[in-house]
Amino acid sequence: MRGLAGLLVLVGVIFGPVYLLTWERVSGLDGPSFELSERGQRWTLVDGTILHFAKGQAYRPLDLELDPKMNRIGFRLTFEAGTAANNAAPGADRYEVTLMQGDQSIFRHSLELHAKANDAATLDGGGLEVFFPGTYTFILEGPEAPRAPITRVRLLVREQVQAPTMAVVWVGLAGLVVGLAMLIEPYLPRSRHRA
């Protein structure tokens, strides 16, 4: 009985949380990579549109050539932090990814960066499907003064990223719950009924 319970827990962990957390990271193909450069509170796009960022600063917008053949498209951002000031408050910096088609925002995704001095962190910038080929504008907006100064940001565009199959996740979680219940059941106190 314990062997079956252990097997259910193992299979449940693999097909539940592990599958859910790793599938989007391992599926798909790495596409073009870009380095985000200078930051500012105001940028002018190629078509003359002026973007203002009142709450913080944004990195120079990037023009990305995207095509429906690339669907599902994912964004992966790597932040490299420099030496932090001694009085830097602990916590997270909030960043926002925006993708624009022309002057319309078609995608937004919020990120929380827990950067440590002299370290790198890679975050999932979300994903979407595009329906028309063309040039899209990628914008990364961040705080005016990050807790740890970011010295470098790299964007990796991923192609053909597959979403996890939720039926597999639910079966895995059910197996995990049943296996754990079987493991702890012998240790639960039993009530005695008088006849």
N, C-alpha and C. Protein backbone atom coordinates (compact mmCIF):
# COMPACT_ATOMS: atom_id res chain seq x y z
N MET A 1 0.83 -1.20 0.00
CA MET A 1 0.00 0.00 0.00
C MET A 1 0.87 1.27 0.00
N ARG A 2 1.95 1.23 0.82
CA ARG A 2 2.84 2.40 0.86
C ARG A 2 3.55 2.60 -0.48
N GLY A 3 3.90 1.50 -1.14
CA GLY A 3 4.56 1.60 -2.44
C GLY A 3 3.66 2.28 -3.47
N LEU A 4 2.38 1.90 -3.47
CA LEU A 4 1.43 2.51 -4.39
C LEU A 4 1.24 3.99 -4.06
N ALA A 5 1.16 4.31 -2.77
CA ALA A 5 0.99 5.71 -2.35
C ALA A 5 2.21 6.54 -2.76
N GLY A 6 3.41 6.00 -2.55
CA GLY A 6 4.62 6.71 -2.95
C GLY A 6 4.68 6.93 -4.45
N LEU A 7 4.26 5.90 -5.21
CA LEU A 7 4.23 6.03 -6.67
C LEU A 7 3.24 7.11 -7.11
N LEU A 8 2.06 7.14 -6.47
CA LEU A 8 1.07 8.17 -6.80
C LEU A 8 1.60 9.57 -6.50
N VAL A 9 2.30 9.72 -5.37
CA VAL A 9 2.87 11.03 -5.02
C VAL A 9 3.92 11.43 -6.05
N LEU A 10 4.80 10.50 -6.40
CA LEU A 10 5.85 10.80 -7.38
C LEU A 10 5.27 11.18 -8.74
N VAL A 11 4.33 10.39 -9.23
CA VAL A 11 3.70 10.68 -10.52
C VAL A 11 2.92 11.99 -10.44
N GLY A 12 2.25 12.21 -9.31
CA GLY A 12 1.49 13.45 -9.13
C GLY A 12 2.37 14.68 -9.14
N VAL A 13 3.53 14.60 -8.50
CA VAL A 13 4.45 15.75 -8.49
C VAL A 13 4.99 16.00 -9.90
N ILE A 14 5.34 14.94 -10.61
CA ILE A 14 5.90 15.10 -11.96
C ILE A 14 4.87 15.67 -12.92
N PHE A 15 3.67 15.11 -12.93
CA PHE A 15 2.66 15.55 -13.90
C PHE A 15 1.81 16.71 -13.40
N GLY A 16 1.98 17.12 -12.17
CA GLY A 16 1.26 18.27 -11.64
C GLY A 16 2.13 19.51 -11.66
N PRO A 17 2.70 19.88 -10.51
CA PRO A 17 3.44 21.13 -10.43
C PRO A 17 4.70 21.19 -11.30
N VAL A 18 5.47 20.10 -11.37
CA VAL A 18 6.71 20.14 -12.16
C VAL A 18 6.40 20.36 -13.64
N TYR A 19 5.45 19.61 -14.15
CA TYR A 19 5.04 19.77 -15.56
C TYR A 19 4.53 21.18 -15.81
N LEU A 20 3.68 21.69 -14.93
CA LEU A 20 3.09 23.01 -15.11
C LEU A 20 4.15 24.10 -15.11
N LEU A 21 5.11 24.01 -14.19
CA LEU A 21 6.12 25.06 -14.05
C LEU A 21 7.22 25.01 -15.10
N THR A 22 7.47 23.83 -15.67
CA THR A 22 8.59 23.73 -16.61
C THR A 22 8.18 23.64 -18.08
N TRP A 23 6.95 23.30 -18.38
CA TRP A 23 6.57 23.03 -19.77
C TRP A 23 6.81 24.22 -20.68
N GLU A 24 6.36 25.41 -20.29
CA GLU A 24 6.53 26.57 -21.15
C GLU A 24 8.00 26.96 -21.28
N ARG A 25 8.81 26.63 -20.27
CA ARG A 25 10.24 26.96 -20.35
C ARG A 25 10.99 26.05 -21.31
N VAL A 26 10.57 24.79 -21.42
CA VAL A 26 11.32 23.85 -22.25
C VAL A 26 10.72 23.68 -23.64
N SER A 27 9.45 24.01 -23.80
CA SER A 27 8.86 23.87 -25.13
C SER A 27 9.18 25.12 -25.95
N GLY A 28 9.12 24.99 -27.23
CA GLY A 28 9.36 26.13 -28.11
C GLY A 28 10.82 26.26 -28.53
N LEU A 29 11.05 27.26 -29.35
CA LEU A 29 12.38 27.51 -29.92
C LEU A 29 12.85 28.91 -29.55
N ASP A 30 14.14 29.04 -29.32
CA ASP A 30 14.69 30.37 -29.08
C ASP A 30 14.76 31.13 -30.39
N GLY A 31 14.22 32.34 -30.37
CA GLY A 31 14.24 33.21 -31.54
C GLY A 31 15.30 34.28 -31.37
N PRO A 32 15.03 35.46 -31.92
CA PRO A 32 16.02 36.54 -31.83
C PRO A 32 16.19 37.04 -30.40
N SER A 33 17.38 37.56 -30.14
CA SER A 33 17.72 38.10 -28.83
C SER A 33 18.12 39.57 -29.00
N PHE A 34 17.75 40.38 -28.01
CA PHE A 34 18.03 41.82 -28.08
C PHE A 34 18.56 42.29 -26.74
N GLU A 35 19.35 43.34 -26.78
CA GLU A 35 19.79 43.98 -25.55
C GLU A 35 19.08 45.31 -25.45
N LEU A 36 18.42 45.52 -24.31
CA LEU A 36 17.71 46.78 -24.08
C LEU A 36 18.72 47.79 -23.56
N SER A 37 18.71 48.96 -24.18
CA SER A 37 19.75 49.95 -23.85
C SER A 37 19.21 51.02 -22.92
N GLU A 38 19.47 52.25 -23.25
CA GLU A 38 19.20 53.37 -22.35
C GLU A 38 17.74 53.47 -21.93
N ARG A 39 17.55 54.16 -20.80
CA ARG A 39 16.22 54.36 -20.24
C ARG A 39 15.86 55.84 -20.30
N GLY A 40 14.57 56.11 -20.37
CA GLY A 40 14.11 57.49 -20.39
C GLY A 40 12.64 57.58 -20.04
N GLN A 41 12.18 58.80 -19.75
CA GLN A 41 10.76 59.00 -19.43
C GLN A 41 9.95 59.37 -20.67
N ARG A 42 10.63 59.58 -21.79
CA ARG A 42 9.93 59.97 -23.01
C ARG A 42 10.67 59.38 -24.21
N TRP A 43 9.90 58.73 -25.09
CA TRP A 43 10.47 58.17 -26.31
C TRP A 43 9.58 58.52 -27.49
N THR A 44 10.20 58.76 -28.64
CA THR A 44 9.46 59.01 -29.87
C THR A 44 9.62 57.79 -30.77
N LEU A 45 8.49 57.23 -31.20
CA LEU A 45 8.52 56.06 -32.06
C LEU A 45 8.73 56.48 -33.51
N VAL A 46 8.97 55.51 -34.38
CA VAL A 46 9.26 55.76 -35.79
C VAL A 46 8.12 56.52 -36.47
N ASP A 47 6.87 56.21 -36.09
CA ASP A 47 5.72 56.87 -36.73
C ASP A 47 5.42 58.25 -36.15
N GLY A 48 6.25 58.71 -35.20
CA GLY A 48 6.06 60.03 -34.61
C GLY A 48 5.30 60.02 -33.30
N THR A 49 4.77 58.88 -32.89
CA THR A 49 4.06 58.78 -31.62
C THR A 49 5.04 59.04 -30.48
N ILE A 50 4.63 59.88 -29.53
CA ILE A 50 5.47 60.20 -28.38
C ILE A 50 4.91 59.46 -27.17
N LEU A 51 5.75 58.69 -26.52
CA LEU A 51 5.36 57.95 -25.32
C LEU A 51 5.94 58.63 -24.09
N HIS A 52 5.08 58.90 -23.09
CA HIS A 52 5.51 59.48 -21.82
C HIS A 52 5.31 58.44 -20.73
N PHE A 53 6.25 58.35 -19.81
CA PHE A 53 6.17 57.40 -18.70
C PHE A 53 6.28 58.19 -17.41
N ALA A 54 5.13 58.51 -16.82
CA ALA A 54 5.09 59.39 -15.65
C ALA A 54 5.54 58.68 -14.37
N LYS A 55 5.26 57.38 -14.23
CA LYS A 55 5.55 56.67 -12.98
C LYS A 55 6.98 56.14 -12.90
N GLY A 56 7.67 56.11 -14.01
CA GLY A 56 9.02 55.55 -14.00
C GLY A 56 9.72 55.85 -15.30
N GLN A 57 10.58 54.93 -15.70
CA GLN A 57 11.30 55.09 -16.95
C GLN A 57 11.15 53.81 -17.76
N ALA A 58 11.25 53.96 -19.07
CA ALA A 58 11.16 52.81 -19.96
C ALA A 58 12.46 52.69 -20.74
N TYR A 59 12.80 51.45 -21.07
CA TYR A 59 13.94 51.23 -21.94
C TYR A 59 13.55 51.64 -23.36
N ARG A 60 14.55 51.95 -24.17
CA ARG A 60 14.29 52.35 -25.55
C ARG A 60 13.42 51.28 -26.21
N PRO A 61 12.26 51.66 -26.78
CA PRO A 61 11.38 50.68 -27.42
C PRO A 61 12.08 49.94 -28.56
N LEU A 62 11.73 48.66 -28.69
CA LEU A 62 12.31 47.81 -29.74
C LEU A 62 11.26 47.49 -30.78
N ASP A 63 11.65 47.49 -32.04
CA ASP A 63 10.77 47.03 -33.11
C ASP A 63 11.04 45.56 -33.34
N LEU A 64 9.99 44.74 -33.22
CA LEU A 64 10.10 43.30 -33.41
C LEU A 64 9.30 42.89 -34.63
N GLU A 65 9.89 42.07 -35.48
CA GLU A 65 9.17 41.51 -36.63
C GLU A 65 8.55 40.20 -36.17
N LEU A 66 7.22 40.18 -36.06
CA LEU A 66 6.51 38.99 -35.59
C LEU A 66 5.57 38.49 -36.68
N ASP A 67 5.34 37.18 -36.66
CA ASP A 67 4.53 36.54 -37.69
C ASP A 67 3.68 35.46 -37.02
N PRO A 68 2.45 35.23 -37.50
CA PRO A 68 1.63 34.17 -36.92
C PRO A 68 2.29 32.79 -36.97
N LYS A 69 3.24 32.57 -37.88
CA LYS A 69 3.96 31.29 -37.93
C LYS A 69 4.78 31.06 -36.67
N MET A 70 5.05 32.13 -35.92
CA MET A 70 5.85 32.03 -34.70
C MET A 70 4.99 31.67 -33.47
N ASN A 71 3.66 31.68 -33.62
CA ASN A 71 2.77 31.50 -32.47
C ASN A 71 3.00 30.16 -31.79
N ARG A 72 2.84 30.14 -30.57
CA ARG A 72 2.66 31.11 -29.51
C ARG A 72 4.02 31.73 -29.20
N ILE A 73 4.05 33.06 -29.06
CA ILE A 73 5.29 33.79 -28.86
C ILE A 73 5.44 34.09 -27.37
N GLY A 74 6.64 33.87 -26.86
CA GLY A 74 6.94 34.15 -25.46
C GLY A 74 8.11 35.11 -25.34
N PHE A 75 8.15 35.83 -24.24
CA PHE A 75 9.24 36.77 -23.97
C PHE A 75 9.95 36.34 -22.70
N ARG A 76 11.27 36.27 -22.76
CA ARG A 76 12.07 35.95 -21.57
C ARG A 76 13.07 37.09 -21.37
N LEU A 77 13.05 37.66 -20.17
CA LEU A 77 13.91 38.81 -19.86
C LEU A 77 14.95 38.41 -18.82
N THR A 78 16.21 38.77 -19.07
CA THR A 78 17.29 38.53 -18.12
C THR A 78 17.82 39.88 -17.65
N PHE A 79 17.76 40.08 -16.35
CA PHE A 79 18.22 41.32 -15.72
C PHE A 79 19.54 41.04 -15.01
N GLU A 80 20.54 41.88 -15.25
CA GLU A 80 21.80 41.78 -14.53
C GLU A 80 21.95 43.02 -13.66
N ALA A 81 22.15 42.78 -12.37
CA ALA A 81 22.24 43.89 -11.42
C ALA A 81 23.69 44.20 -11.09
N GLY A 82 23.94 45.48 -10.87
CA GLY A 82 25.27 45.93 -10.44
C GLY A 82 25.33 45.97 -8.93
N THR A 83 26.28 46.70 -8.41
CA THR A 83 26.45 46.83 -6.97
C THR A 83 25.38 47.77 -6.42
N ALA A 84 24.66 47.31 -5.40
CA ALA A 84 23.59 48.12 -4.81
C ALA A 84 24.16 49.06 -3.77
N ALA A 85 23.48 50.16 -3.58
CA ALA A 85 23.86 51.09 -2.51
C ALA A 85 23.58 50.43 -1.16
N ASN A 86 24.33 50.81 -0.15
CA ASN A 86 24.17 50.20 1.18
C ASN A 86 22.79 50.42 1.76
N ASN A 87 22.12 51.51 1.39
CA ASN A 87 20.81 51.81 1.96
C ASN A 87 19.67 51.33 1.08
N ALA A 88 19.93 50.42 0.15
CA ALA A 88 18.87 49.92 -0.73
C ALA A 88 17.86 49.12 0.08
N ALA A 89 16.60 49.45 -0.07
CA ALA A 89 15.54 48.77 0.67
C ALA A 89 15.28 47.39 0.06
N PRO A 90 15.07 46.37 0.90
CA PRO A 90 14.76 45.05 0.36
C PRO A 90 13.36 45.06 -0.25
N GLY A 91 13.12 44.16 -1.16
CA GLY A 91 11.81 44.08 -1.80
C GLY A 91 11.94 43.86 -3.28
N ALA A 92 10.84 44.09 -3.98
CA ALA A 92 10.80 43.83 -5.41
C ALA A 92 10.54 45.11 -6.18
N ASP A 93 11.09 45.18 -7.38
CA ASP A 93 10.80 46.26 -8.31
C ASP A 93 9.77 45.75 -9.30
N ARG A 94 8.83 46.60 -9.64
CA ARG A 94 7.76 46.21 -10.56
C ARG A 94 8.09 46.73 -11.96
N TYR A 95 8.02 45.82 -12.93
CA TYR A 95 8.24 46.15 -14.34
C TYR A 95 6.99 45.79 -15.11
N GLU A 96 6.79 46.44 -16.25
CA GLU A 96 5.65 46.11 -17.10
C GLU A 96 6.10 45.99 -18.55
N VAL A 97 5.71 44.86 -19.15
CA VAL A 97 5.97 44.61 -20.56
C VAL A 97 4.73 45.03 -21.34
N THR A 98 4.94 45.79 -22.41
CA THR A 98 3.84 46.19 -23.30
C THR A 98 4.26 45.90 -24.73
N LEU A 99 3.34 45.33 -25.50
CA LEU A 99 3.57 45.13 -26.93
C LEU A 99 2.52 45.94 -27.67
N MET A 100 2.99 46.75 -28.61
CA MET A 100 2.08 47.62 -29.36
C MET A 100 2.10 47.24 -30.83
N GLN A 101 0.91 47.32 -31.44
CA GLN A 101 0.78 47.17 -32.88
C GLN A 101 0.29 48.52 -33.38
N GLY A 102 1.17 49.25 -34.05
CA GLY A 102 0.85 50.63 -34.40
C GLY A 102 0.81 51.46 -33.13
N ASP A 103 -0.30 52.14 -32.90
CA ASP A 103 -0.43 52.93 -31.68
C ASP A 103 -1.36 52.27 -30.67
N GLN A 104 -1.67 50.98 -30.88
CA GLN A 104 -2.56 50.24 -29.99
C GLN A 104 -1.77 49.25 -29.14
N SER A 105 -2.03 49.27 -27.85
CA SER A 105 -1.42 48.29 -26.95
C SER A 105 -2.21 46.99 -27.07
N ILE A 106 -1.54 45.89 -27.45
CA ILE A 106 -2.24 44.61 -27.63
C ILE A 106 -1.87 43.58 -26.57
N PHE A 107 -0.87 43.89 -25.73
CA PHE A 107 -0.43 42.93 -24.73
C PHE A 107 0.24 43.66 -23.59
N ARG A 108 -0.09 43.25 -22.36
CA ARG A 108 0.56 43.78 -21.16
C ARG A 108 0.83 42.62 -20.20
N HIS A 109 1.97 42.70 -19.54
CA HIS A 109 2.32 41.67 -18.56
C HIS A 109 3.18 42.32 -17.48
N SER A 110 2.79 42.13 -16.21
CA SER A 110 3.54 42.71 -15.09
C SER A 110 4.55 41.71 -14.56
N LEU A 111 5.70 42.23 -14.13
CA LEU A 111 6.77 41.41 -13.57
C LEU A 111 7.20 41.99 -12.23
N GLU A 112 7.62 41.12 -11.33
CA GLU A 112 8.24 41.57 -10.09
C GLU A 112 9.66 41.03 -10.06
N LEU A 113 10.61 41.93 -9.96
CA LEU A 113 12.02 41.56 -9.98
C LEU A 113 12.59 41.69 -8.58
N HIS A 114 13.05 40.57 -8.04
CA HIS A 114 13.74 40.55 -6.75
C HIS A 114 15.23 40.48 -7.07
N ALA A 115 15.81 41.61 -7.38
CA ALA A 115 17.22 41.63 -7.82
C ALA A 115 18.14 41.73 -6.61
N LYS A 116 19.21 40.98 -6.68
CA LYS A 116 20.27 41.07 -5.68
C LYS A 116 21.47 41.69 -6.36
N ALA A 117 22.27 42.40 -5.59
CA ALA A 117 23.45 43.05 -6.15
C ALA A 117 24.38 42.01 -6.78
N ASN A 118 24.96 42.38 -7.91
CA ASN A 118 25.91 41.54 -8.64
C ASN A 118 25.35 40.16 -8.98
N ASP A 119 24.08 40.12 -9.35
CA ASP A 119 23.43 38.85 -9.67
C ASP A 119 22.59 39.03 -10.93
N ALA A 120 22.14 37.92 -11.49
CA ALA A 120 21.27 37.96 -12.67
C ALA A 120 19.98 37.21 -12.36
N ALA A 121 18.89 37.68 -12.91
CA ALA A 121 17.60 37.02 -12.73
C ALA A 121 16.90 36.94 -14.07
N THR A 122 16.32 35.78 -14.37
CA THR A 122 15.57 35.60 -15.61
C THR A 122 14.10 35.46 -15.27
N LEU A 123 13.27 36.26 -15.94
CA LEU A 123 11.83 36.26 -15.69
C LEU A 123 11.07 35.98 -16.97
N ASP A 124 9.92 35.34 -16.80
CA ASP A 124 9.01 35.09 -17.92
C ASP A 124 8.23 36.37 -18.17
N GLY A 125 8.34 36.90 -19.37
CA GLY A 125 7.64 38.14 -19.72
C GLY A 125 6.28 37.92 -20.34
N GLY A 126 5.72 36.73 -20.18
CA GLY A 126 4.40 36.44 -20.73
C GLY A 126 4.48 35.98 -22.18
N GLY A 127 3.33 35.71 -22.74
CA GLY A 127 3.28 35.25 -24.12
C GLY A 127 1.94 35.57 -24.75
N LEU A 128 1.91 35.53 -26.07
CA LEU A 128 0.70 35.85 -26.80
C LEU A 128 0.75 35.23 -28.18
N GLU A 129 -0.37 35.33 -28.88
CA GLU A 129 -0.45 34.94 -30.28
C GLU A 129 -0.73 36.18 -31.10
N VAL A 130 -0.03 36.33 -32.21
CA VAL A 130 -0.31 37.44 -33.12
C VAL A 130 -1.07 36.89 -34.32
N PHE A 131 -1.91 37.73 -34.91
CA PHE A 131 -2.75 37.28 -36.02
C PHE A 131 -2.34 37.87 -37.36
N PHE A 132 -1.46 38.88 -37.32
CA PHE A 132 -1.01 39.53 -38.55
C PHE A 132 0.50 39.68 -38.52
N PRO A 133 1.18 39.38 -39.62
CA PRO A 133 2.63 39.62 -39.65
C PRO A 133 2.91 41.12 -39.70
N GLY A 134 4.03 41.52 -39.13
CA GLY A 134 4.38 42.93 -39.19
C GLY A 134 5.33 43.33 -38.08
N THR A 135 5.51 44.63 -37.96
CA THR A 135 6.40 45.20 -36.96
C THR A 135 5.60 45.57 -35.73
N TYR A 136 6.01 45.05 -34.59
CA TYR A 136 5.39 45.33 -33.31
C TYR A 136 6.42 46.04 -32.44
N THR A 137 5.95 46.89 -31.53
CA THR A 137 6.86 47.64 -30.66
C THR A 137 6.82 47.04 -29.26
N PHE A 138 7.99 46.64 -28.77
CA PHE A 138 8.14 46.06 -27.43
C PHE A 138 8.64 47.15 -26.49
N ILE A 139 7.95 47.31 -25.36
CA ILE A 139 8.32 48.33 -24.37
C ILE A 139 8.45 47.67 -23.01
N LEU A 140 9.54 47.96 -22.32
CA LEU A 140 9.74 47.51 -20.94
C LEU A 140 9.83 48.74 -20.06
N GLU A 141 8.83 48.90 -19.18
CA GLU A 141 8.80 50.04 -18.27
C GLU A 141 9.15 49.58 -16.87
N GLY A 142 9.96 50.37 -16.18
CA GLY A 142 10.39 50.01 -14.83
C GLY A 142 10.38 51.20 -13.91
N PRO A 143 10.81 50.99 -12.67
CA PRO A 143 10.84 52.10 -11.71
C PRO A 143 11.92 53.11 -12.06
N GLU A 144 11.73 54.33 -11.60
CA GLU A 144 12.72 55.37 -11.88
C GLU A 144 14.05 55.06 -11.19
N ALA A 145 13.98 54.55 -9.96
CA ALA A 145 15.20 54.20 -9.21
C ALA A 145 15.06 52.78 -8.67
N PRO A 146 15.53 51.77 -9.42
CA PRO A 146 15.42 50.39 -8.94
C PRO A 146 16.23 50.17 -7.67
N ARG A 147 15.81 49.18 -6.87
CA ARG A 147 16.50 48.89 -5.61
C ARG A 147 17.95 48.48 -5.85
N ALA A 148 18.17 47.64 -6.84
CA ALA A 148 19.53 47.28 -7.25
C ALA A 148 19.70 47.82 -8.66
N PRO A 149 20.74 48.59 -8.93
CA PRO A 149 20.89 49.17 -10.27
C PRO A 149 21.07 48.08 -11.33
N ILE A 150 20.22 48.14 -12.34
CA ILE A 150 20.27 47.15 -13.42
C ILE A 150 21.27 47.63 -14.46
N THR A 151 22.28 46.82 -14.72
CA THR A 151 23.33 47.21 -15.66
C THR A 151 23.07 46.70 -17.07
N ARG A 152 22.26 45.64 -17.17
CA ARG A 152 22.02 45.05 -18.49
C ARG A 152 20.70 44.30 -18.49
N VAL A 153 19.93 44.45 -19.57
CA VAL A 153 18.68 43.71 -19.74
C VAL A 153 18.70 43.08 -21.12
N ARG A 154 18.46 41.77 -21.18
CA ARG A 154 18.39 41.06 -22.45
C ARG A 154 16.99 40.50 -22.65
N LEU A 155 16.50 40.61 -23.86
CA LEU A 155 15.20 40.07 -24.23
C LEU A 155 15.42 38.92 -25.20
N LEU A 156 14.81 37.79 -24.90
CA LEU A 156 14.82 36.64 -25.80
C LEU A 156 13.39 36.41 -26.25
N VAL A 157 13.17 36.45 -27.56
CA VAL A 157 11.84 36.17 -28.12
C VAL A 157 11.80 34.68 -28.42
N ARG A 158 10.81 33.99 -27.84
CA ARG A 158 10.69 32.55 -28.04
C ARG A 158 9.53 32.27 -28.99
N GLU A 159 9.70 31.28 -29.85
CA GLU A 159 8.70 30.94 -30.86
C GLU A 159 8.11 29.56 -30.59
N GLN A 160 6.87 29.38 -31.01
CA GLN A 160 6.17 28.09 -30.94
C GLN A 160 6.16 27.50 -29.54
N VAL A 161 5.93 28.37 -28.55
CA VAL A 161 5.84 27.93 -27.16
C VAL A 161 4.47 27.27 -26.96
N GLN A 162 4.47 26.09 -26.40
CA GLN A 162 3.23 25.34 -26.20
C GLN A 162 2.72 25.55 -24.78
N ALA A 163 1.43 25.80 -24.65
CA ALA A 163 0.82 25.91 -23.33
C ALA A 163 0.67 24.50 -22.75
N PRO A 164 0.80 24.35 -21.42
CA PRO A 164 0.64 23.02 -20.83
C PRO A 164 -0.80 22.52 -20.99
N THR A 165 -0.94 21.20 -21.11
CA THR A 165 -2.25 20.58 -21.21
C THR A 165 -2.82 20.47 -19.80
N MET A 166 -3.88 21.22 -19.54
CA MET A 166 -4.40 21.29 -18.17
C MET A 166 -4.99 19.97 -17.70
N ALA A 167 -5.46 19.12 -18.59
CA ALA A 167 -5.98 17.81 -18.17
C ALA A 167 -4.86 16.99 -17.52
N VAL A 168 -3.66 17.07 -18.07
CA VAL A 168 -2.51 16.36 -17.49
C VAL A 168 -2.19 16.92 -16.10
N VAL A 169 -2.25 18.24 -15.97
CA VAL A 169 -1.97 18.88 -14.68
C VAL A 169 -2.99 18.43 -13.63
N TRP A 170 -4.27 18.42 -13.99
CA TRP A 170 -5.31 18.03 -13.02
C TRP A 170 -5.19 16.57 -12.62
N VAL A 171 -4.87 15.69 -13.57
CA VAL A 171 -4.67 14.27 -13.24
C VAL A 171 -3.48 14.13 -12.30
N GLY A 172 -2.41 14.87 -12.57
CA GLY A 172 -1.24 14.83 -11.70
C GLY A 172 -1.55 15.31 -10.30
N LEU A 173 -2.29 16.42 -10.19
CA LEU A 173 -2.65 16.93 -8.87
C LEU A 173 -3.57 15.97 -8.12
N ALA A 174 -4.50 15.33 -8.84
CA ALA A 174 -5.38 14.35 -8.21
C ALA A 174 -4.57 13.16 -7.68
N GLY A 175 -3.62 12.68 -8.48
CA GLY A 175 -2.75 11.59 -8.02
C GLY A 175 -1.94 11.98 -6.80
N LEU A 176 -1.47 13.22 -6.77
CA LEU A 176 -0.70 13.72 -5.63
C LEU A 176 -1.56 13.74 -4.37
N VAL A 177 -2.78 14.24 -4.47
CA VAL A 177 -3.67 14.31 -3.30
C VAL A 177 -4.03 12.91 -2.80
N VAL A 178 -4.37 12.00 -3.72
CA VAL A 178 -4.73 10.63 -3.31
C VAL A 178 -3.53 9.94 -2.68
N GLY A 179 -2.35 10.09 -3.27
CA GLY A 179 -1.15 9.48 -2.71
C GLY A 179 -0.83 10.00 -1.32
N LEU A 180 -0.93 11.32 -1.12
CA LEU A 180 -0.68 11.89 0.20
C LEU A 180 -1.72 11.41 1.21
N ALA A 181 -2.97 11.32 0.80
CA ALA A 181 -4.02 10.82 1.70
C ALA A 181 -3.73 9.38 2.11
N MET A 182 -3.28 8.56 1.16
CA MET A 182 -2.95 7.17 1.48
C MET A 182 -1.76 7.08 2.43
N LEU A 183 -0.81 7.99 2.30
CA LEU A 183 0.37 7.96 3.17
C LEU A 183 0.05 8.39 4.60
N ILE A 184 -0.81 9.39 4.76
CA ILE A 184 -1.08 9.88 6.12
C ILE A 184 -2.25 9.18 6.80
N GLU A 185 -3.04 8.42 6.05
CA GLU A 185 -4.23 7.77 6.62
C GLU A 185 -3.90 6.86 7.81
N PRO A 186 -2.82 6.06 7.79
CA PRO A 186 -2.54 5.21 8.95
C PRO A 186 -2.20 5.99 10.23
N TYR A 187 -1.81 7.23 10.10
CA TYR A 187 -1.41 8.03 11.25
C TYR A 187 -2.55 8.86 11.83
N LEU A 188 -3.69 8.83 11.20
CA LEU A 188 -4.84 9.59 11.70
C LEU A 188 -5.50 8.82 12.84
N PRO A 189 -5.93 9.52 13.89
CA PRO A 189 -6.60 8.82 15.00
C PRO A 189 -7.94 8.26 14.54
N ARG A 190 -8.23 7.08 15.02
CA ARG A 190 -9.49 6.44 14.65
C ARG A 190 -10.48 6.61 15.80
N SER A 191 -11.71 6.90 15.46
CA SER A 191 -12.74 7.02 16.50
C SER A 191 -13.30 5.63 16.79
N ARG A 192 -13.59 5.40 18.05
CA ARG A 192 -14.14 4.10 18.46
C ARG A 192 -15.63 4.24 18.68
N HIS A 193 -16.37 3.36 18.06
CA HIS A 193 -17.82 3.38 18.20
C HIS A 193 -18.23 2.29 19.18
N ARG A 194 -19.12 2.64 20.10
CA ARG A 194 -19.65 1.64 21.03
C ARG A 194 -20.93 1.05 20.47
N ALA A 195 -21.06 -0.24 20.63
CA ALA A 195 -22.26 -0.91 20.13
C ALA A 195 -23.34 -0.93 21.17
